[in-house]
Amino acid sequence: MRSSIVLFLFSFFSTQVMAQSFVNLQGQIKNSTHTDIIISYSSSWLDPLTTSRTCTIDGSGNFSIQLQFEEKIKPANIIYGTDTIELILTGGEGLIMTADGKDFLKTIHFEGTGGPNANFCVKHGIQRGRMMQHTQKIISFFNKNIPAFRKALDNDYKAEMKYLAANGIETTPILKRYWRISYEYDKYCNMFQYPSLHHPDAKNSVVHKQAPNNKHPYNIIDSIPEIYKDELLLMPQYRQYVMFEADKHNDPHLYPEHREAQLNKFLYTTLPPQTGEYAAASMVFSLIGKDDKLANEKLQVFKSHFTRSKYVPIIEVKLPQ
């Protein structure tokens, strides 16, 4: 198997769509034994089909590629051998990357437009861990009872914001905002996961032992704020948060009766239009292969609310006729 650098891009739609948004990435890796850069990104939120592009690294270690996307901001991973760094790309950036293949993480450096953002993300990943792996980092928090769990989450969020203030001075306003909101909604998502891990019926739980004084783990959900904004849909933590909220309205422990009415009210009335469209489509898509008849019934309801939804073709292609 040939060696390669893998640049993994998570593709998101944005409510603030640009006609054409570009990021230029070029650079040199000295002492590199790798032969190319593979660029991969998800083509759909509902059905993460993978699109890949390959950029050759020449004999001198040089490479250059232009990335095109419609979203205003795009998270990315660059994987070099066994080393991984995380970036948050924004349209219009022109990044110049240099590194030594013998000690990639210690020597990687970015210059050009977007350089301060990239260097901050690299430093954060090395010192505190990558954003998209944050829940794995705080897994021990889930062994605590509710008050201790919430305190640990709050302290961790404060530590992340302190790190941003101290090390992200030169980063752009959009990066700072993305960072704050991502960790805020990540906290809410972890709170949503807490009850299922502590409920007596929980299976394959990451919790090693049930926390003391934790007879009502679902009580933590009551303290999660309901903050829905269409402009945040490009952020994976927000989309995950919305789906946790949708699942809450479909939870028999919380709504033993009238769940269907509660869920439809949430999807089609409570949520703002684009967020509701995404959440409802995602719930229909999740039924495909599990209960195709129900998926088709839900799809008809969905189409009655969103007659020209961009998600309908994605669902219909997967749903058996």
Protein backbone atom coordinates (compact mmCIF):
# COMPACT_ATOMS: atom_id res chain seq x y z
CA MET A 1 0.00 0.00 0.00
CA ARG A 2 1.46 3.35 -0.98
CA SER A 3 2.10 5.98 1.64
CA SER A 4 -0.03 9.09 1.63
CA ILE A 5 -1.13 12.16 3.47
CA VAL A 6 -4.90 12.17 3.95
CA LEU A 7 -6.75 15.46 4.19
CA PHE A 8 -10.25 14.63 5.42
CA LEU A 9 -12.83 17.38 4.94
CA PHE A 10 -16.26 17.33 6.50
CA SER A 11 -18.62 19.03 4.03
CA PHE A 12 -21.42 21.17 5.41
CA PHE A 13 -24.21 23.25 3.90
CA SER A 14 -24.39 26.83 5.06
CA THR A 15 -27.38 29.11 5.29
CA GLN A 16 -25.04 31.86 4.12
CA VAL A 17 -24.09 30.25 0.81
CA MET A 18 -21.24 31.61 -1.31
CA ALA A 19 -21.46 31.10 -5.08
CA GLN A 20 -17.85 29.91 -5.11
CA SER A 21 -15.61 29.63 -2.10
CA PHE A 22 -11.98 28.60 -2.44
CA VAL A 23 -9.11 27.57 -0.20
CA ASN A 24 -5.65 27.22 -1.75
CA LEU A 25 -3.36 24.77 0.01
CA GLN A 26 0.25 24.38 -1.03
CA GLY A 27 3.54 23.63 0.65
CA GLN A 28 6.52 21.41 1.10
CA ILE A 29 7.26 18.47 3.35
CA LYS A 30 10.97 17.83 3.59
CA ASN A 31 12.20 14.26 4.02
CA SER A 32 8.77 12.94 2.99
CA THR A 33 8.32 9.30 2.02
CA HIS A 34 4.66 9.88 1.18
CA THR A 35 3.48 10.18 -2.39
CA ASP A 36 0.25 12.12 -2.43
CA ILE A 37 -2.45 14.02 -0.58
CA ILE A 38 -5.93 12.46 -0.61
CA ILE A 39 -8.78 14.92 -0.11
CA SER A 40 -12.06 13.43 1.11
CA TYR A 41 -15.29 15.09 2.18
CA SER A 42 -18.90 14.16 2.88
CA SER A 43 -21.26 15.05 0.07
CA SER A 44 -24.41 15.05 2.20
CA TRP A 45 -25.40 15.47 5.84
CA LEU A 46 -27.96 12.69 5.51
CA ASP A 47 -25.95 10.20 3.47
CA PRO A 48 -22.20 10.77 4.00
CA LEU A 49 -21.05 9.58 0.59
CA THR A 50 -17.34 10.14 0.29
CA THR A 51 -15.78 12.14 -2.54
CA SER A 52 -12.01 11.89 -2.91
CA ARG A 53 -9.37 13.84 -4.82
CA THR A 54 -5.67 13.11 -5.06
CA CYS A 55 -2.84 15.65 -5.15
CA THR A 56 0.63 14.29 -5.96
CA ILE A 57 3.63 15.21 -3.80
CA ASP A 58 6.62 15.58 -6.10
CA GLY A 59 10.14 14.36 -5.51
CA SER A 60 11.04 17.56 -3.68
CA GLY A 61 8.08 17.25 -1.30
CA ASN A 62 6.04 20.00 -2.95
CA PHE A 63 2.27 19.87 -3.38
CA SER A 64 -0.50 22.28 -4.37
CA ILE A 65 -4.26 22.02 -4.58
CA GLN A 66 -7.29 24.30 -4.69
CA LEU A 67 -10.35 23.32 -2.66
CA GLN A 68 -13.78 24.56 -3.72
CA PHE A 69 -16.89 24.53 -1.56
CA GLU A 70 -20.04 26.54 -0.93
CA GLU A 71 -19.91 26.62 2.85
CA LYS A 72 -18.52 29.60 4.71
CA ILE A 73 -16.45 27.45 7.06
CA LYS A 74 -15.28 23.84 6.85
CA PRO A 75 -13.57 21.63 9.48
CA ALA A 76 -10.70 19.53 8.15
CA ASN A 77 -8.21 16.88 9.21
CA ILE A 78 -4.75 16.44 7.73
CA ILE A 79 -3.34 12.99 8.38
CA TYR A 80 0.34 12.33 7.79
CA GLY A 81 1.22 8.73 8.49
CA THR A 82 0.05 8.16 12.06
CA ASP A 83 -0.11 11.90 12.86
CA THR A 84 -3.33 13.90 12.56
CA ILE A 85 -3.99 17.64 12.77
CA GLU A 86 -7.34 19.42 12.65
CA LEU A 87 -8.04 22.67 10.80
CA ILE A 88 -11.03 24.98 10.49
CA LEU A 89 -10.94 26.35 6.94
CA THR A 90 -12.76 29.48 5.74
CA GLY A 91 -13.33 30.62 2.18
CA GLY A 92 -10.64 32.80 0.63
CA GLU A 93 -7.74 31.35 2.56
CA GLY A 94 -4.38 30.75 0.89
CA LEU A 95 -2.38 28.42 3.13
CA ILE A 96 1.30 27.59 2.75
CA MET A 97 2.30 24.56 4.82
CA THR A 98 5.83 23.48 5.65
CA ALA A 99 6.96 20.50 7.71
CA ASP A 100 9.69 17.93 8.13
CA GLY A 101 8.47 14.39 7.57
CA LYS A 102 10.87 13.10 10.21
CA ASP A 103 9.04 15.02 12.97
CA PHE A 104 5.80 16.19 11.42
CA LEU A 105 3.85 17.45 14.45
CA LYS A 106 6.75 19.41 15.93
CA THR A 107 7.71 21.10 12.66
CA ILE A 108 4.42 21.78 10.86
CA HIS A 109 3.80 25.49 10.30
CA PHE A 110 1.37 27.53 8.21
CA GLU A 111 1.81 30.93 6.59
CA GLY A 112 -0.38 32.98 4.27
CA THR A 113 -4.02 33.99 4.61
CA GLY A 114 -5.53 31.79 7.31
CA GLY A 115 -2.11 30.90 8.72
CA PRO A 116 -2.86 32.11 12.28
CA ASN A 117 -6.10 30.06 12.33
CA ALA A 118 -4.30 26.93 11.14
CA ASN A 119 -1.39 27.31 13.56
CA PHE A 120 -3.80 27.77 16.46
CA CYS A 121 -5.74 24.63 15.50
CA VAL A 122 -2.53 22.61 15.24
CA LYS A 123 -1.29 23.84 18.61
CA HIS A 124 -4.65 23.13 20.25
CA GLY A 125 -4.76 19.63 18.82
CA ILE A 126 -1.33 18.82 20.19
CA GLN A 127 -1.85 20.40 23.61
CA ARG A 128 -5.56 19.77 24.30
CA GLY A 129 -6.73 17.33 21.65
CA ARG A 130 -8.80 17.68 18.48
CA MET A 131 -12.25 19.25 18.69
CA MET A 132 -14.01 16.38 16.91
CA GLN A 133 -12.63 13.94 19.52
CA HIS A 134 -13.61 16.02 22.53
CA THR A 135 -16.16 13.57 23.96
CA GLN A 136 -13.52 10.84 24.01
CA LYS A 137 -11.28 13.17 25.98
CA ILE A 138 -13.87 13.77 28.71
CA ILE A 139 -15.27 10.24 28.87
CA SER A 140 -14.41 9.93 32.57
CA PHE A 141 -16.89 12.75 33.35
CA PHE A 142 -19.77 10.37 32.65
CA ASN A 143 -18.94 8.35 35.78
CA LYS A 144 -19.96 11.31 37.96
CA ASN A 145 -23.39 12.14 39.36
CA ILE A 146 -25.34 14.95 37.74
CA PRO A 147 -24.04 17.95 39.78
CA ALA A 148 -20.42 16.78 39.48
CA PHE A 149 -20.88 15.98 35.79
CA ARG A 150 -22.25 19.45 35.02
CA LYS A 151 -19.50 21.12 37.03
CA ALA A 152 -16.85 19.15 35.17
CA LEU A 153 -18.39 20.15 31.81
CA ASP A 154 -18.56 23.81 32.82
CA ASN A 155 -14.94 23.79 33.99
CA ASP A 156 -13.82 22.13 30.78
CA TYR A 157 -15.69 24.72 28.69
CA LYS A 158 -14.08 27.55 30.68
CA ALA A 159 -10.66 25.97 30.14
CA GLU A 160 -11.26 25.85 26.39
CA MET A 161 -12.32 29.50 26.30
CA LYS A 162 -9.31 30.47 28.41
CA TYR A 163 -7.08 28.62 25.96
CA LEU A 164 -8.71 30.43 23.03
CA ALA A 165 -8.22 33.82 24.69
CA ALA A 166 -4.57 33.12 25.49
CA ASN A 167 -3.53 31.42 22.25
CA GLY A 168 -6.00 32.57 19.62
CA ILE A 169 -5.31 36.32 19.68
CA GLU A 170 -4.37 36.40 15.99
CA THR A 171 -7.22 34.18 14.80
CA THR A 172 -10.12 35.61 12.80
CA PRO A 173 -13.49 36.56 14.36
CA ILE A 174 -15.26 33.76 12.46
CA LEU A 175 -12.86 31.18 13.88
CA LYS A 176 -13.33 32.51 17.41
CA ARG A 177 -17.12 32.40 17.06
CA TYR A 178 -17.06 28.91 15.57
CA TRP A 179 -14.84 27.73 18.43
CA ARG A 180 -17.06 29.14 21.19
CA ILE A 181 -20.31 27.85 19.72
CA SER A 182 -18.86 24.42 18.92
CA TYR A 183 -17.78 23.78 22.50
CA GLU A 184 -21.02 25.24 23.87
CA TYR A 185 -23.16 22.84 21.84
CA ASP A 186 -20.73 19.99 22.46
CA LYS A 187 -21.47 20.47 26.17
CA TYR A 188 -25.21 20.21 25.52
CA CYS A 189 -24.72 17.05 23.41
CA ASN A 190 -22.80 15.39 26.22
CA MET A 191 -25.59 16.28 28.64
CA PHE A 192 -28.08 14.62 26.28
CA GLN A 193 -26.01 11.43 26.24
CA TYR A 194 -25.77 11.22 30.02
CA PRO A 195 -29.25 9.71 30.78
CA SER A 196 -28.95 6.87 28.28
CA LEU A 197 -25.64 5.84 29.82
CA HIS A 198 -27.02 5.84 33.37
CA HIS A 199 -30.48 4.43 32.77
CA PRO A 200 -30.88 0.92 34.24
CA ASP A 201 -31.66 -0.43 30.76
CA ALA A 202 -28.51 1.03 29.22
CA LYS A 203 -26.47 -1.52 27.26
CA ASN A 204 -22.84 -1.31 26.16
CA SER A 205 -22.45 1.78 28.30
CA VAL A 206 -19.12 3.58 28.53
CA VAL A 207 -19.96 4.24 32.18
CA HIS A 208 -17.95 1.80 34.29
CA LYS A 209 -20.21 2.13 37.32
CA GLN A 210 -23.47 3.87 38.05
CA ALA A 211 -22.91 7.22 39.73
CA PRO A 212 -24.24 7.55 43.30
CA ASN A 213 -27.46 9.47 44.02
CA ASN A 214 -28.42 9.19 40.39
CA LYS A 215 -31.95 7.77 40.51
CA HIS A 216 -33.30 10.23 37.96
CA PRO A 217 -30.62 10.72 35.25
CA TYR A 218 -33.15 12.24 32.84
CA ASN A 219 -33.41 15.30 35.10
CA ILE A 220 -30.26 16.70 33.50
CA ILE A 221 -32.13 17.24 30.22
CA ASP A 222 -34.37 19.84 31.86
CA SER A 223 -31.37 22.12 32.32
CA ILE A 224 -30.33 22.11 28.65
CA PRO A 225 -31.28 25.41 26.98
CA GLU A 226 -33.29 25.38 23.76
CA ILE A 227 -31.33 27.57 21.36
CA TYR A 228 -32.15 27.01 17.69
CA LYS A 229 -30.71 29.12 14.86
CA ASP A 230 -30.65 28.21 11.18
CA GLU A 231 -27.32 29.98 10.72
CA LEU A 232 -25.67 27.35 12.93
CA LEU A 233 -26.56 24.40 10.69
CA LEU A 234 -23.07 24.30 9.18
CA MET A 235 -21.75 23.22 12.59
CA PRO A 236 -21.78 19.47 13.32
CA GLN A 237 -22.23 19.99 17.06
CA TYR A 238 -25.39 22.04 16.46
CA ARG A 239 -26.86 19.43 14.10
CA GLN A 240 -26.11 16.70 16.65
CA TYR A 241 -27.71 18.83 19.37
CA VAL A 242 -30.86 19.28 17.29
CA MET A 243 -31.13 15.53 16.68
CA PHE A 244 -30.73 14.85 20.40
CA GLU A 245 -33.61 17.27 20.97
CA ALA A 246 -35.69 15.45 18.35
CA ASP A 247 -34.94 12.09 19.96
CA LYS A 248 -35.97 13.57 23.31
CA HIS A 249 -39.41 14.33 21.91
CA ASN A 250 -39.60 10.72 20.70
CA ASP A 251 -38.40 9.19 23.99
CA PRO A 252 -40.96 6.88 25.68
CA HIS A 253 -39.43 7.63 29.09
CA LEU A 254 -40.25 11.33 28.67
CA TYR A 255 -43.39 11.10 26.55
CA PRO A 256 -45.16 7.79 27.21
CA GLU A 257 -48.21 9.14 25.37
CA HIS A 258 -48.79 11.35 22.32
CA ARG A 259 -45.16 11.03 21.17
CA GLU A 260 -46.06 11.39 17.49
CA ALA A 261 -47.85 14.68 18.09
CA GLN A 262 -45.02 15.97 20.31
CA LEU A 263 -42.39 15.07 17.72
CA ASN A 264 -44.26 16.59 14.76
CA LYS A 265 -44.90 19.79 16.70
CA PHE A 266 -41.20 20.04 17.49
CA LEU A 267 -40.04 19.33 13.91
CA TYR A 268 -42.59 21.38 12.00
CA THR A 269 -43.50 24.18 14.41
CA THR A 270 -40.93 24.72 17.16
CA LEU A 271 -37.74 24.55 15.10
CA PRO A 272 -36.85 27.36 12.67
CA PRO A 273 -37.52 26.39 9.02
CA GLN A 274 -34.14 25.15 7.81
CA THR A 275 -33.29 23.43 11.08
CA GLY A 276 -36.69 21.71 11.12
CA GLU A 277 -36.27 20.65 7.50
CA TYR A 278 -32.89 19.06 8.26
CA ALA A 279 -34.05 17.35 11.47
CA ALA A 280 -37.22 15.90 9.92
CA ALA A 281 -35.32 14.67 6.85
CA SER A 282 -32.65 13.11 9.04
CA MET A 283 -35.27 11.21 11.04
CA VAL A 284 -36.87 9.87 7.85
CA PHE A 285 -33.49 8.85 6.47
CA SER A 286 -32.58 7.02 9.68
CA LEU A 287 -35.61 4.72 9.20
CA ILE A 288 -34.47 3.45 5.79
CA GLY A 289 -33.47 -0.18 6.04
CA LYS A 290 -35.05 -0.49 9.47
CA ASP A 291 -38.70 0.17 8.63
CA ASP A 292 -39.09 1.20 5.00
CA LYS A 293 -42.88 1.35 5.22
CA LEU A 294 -42.73 3.80 8.11
CA ALA A 295 -39.97 5.73 6.35
CA ASN A 296 -42.20 6.17 3.31
CA GLU A 297 -45.12 7.31 5.48
CA LYS A 298 -42.87 9.82 7.25
CA LEU A 299 -41.54 10.99 3.90
CA GLN A 300 -45.05 11.86 2.69
CA VAL A 301 -45.61 13.93 5.83
CA PHE A 302 -42.24 15.60 5.30
CA LYS A 303 -43.05 16.46 1.67
CA SER A 304 -46.33 18.02 2.73
CA HIS A 305 -44.34 20.51 4.83
CA PHE A 306 -41.30 20.93 2.56
CA THR A 307 -42.53 20.48 -1.01
CA ARG A 308 -39.23 21.38 -2.70
CA SER A 309 -36.75 20.14 -0.14
CA LYS A 310 -33.21 19.40 -1.33
CA TYR A 311 -33.27 16.34 0.95
CA VAL A 312 -36.12 14.55 -0.86
CA PRO A 313 -34.00 13.23 -3.78
CA ILE A 314 -31.37 11.94 -1.33
CA ILE A 315 -34.05 10.06 0.62
CA GLU A 316 -35.91 8.72 -2.42
CA VAL A 317 -32.72 7.30 -3.96
CA LYS A 318 -32.14 5.20 -0.86
CA LEU A 319 -35.74 4.25 -0.11
CA PRO A 320 -36.88 1.03 -1.87
CA GLN A 321 -39.80 1.62 -4.20
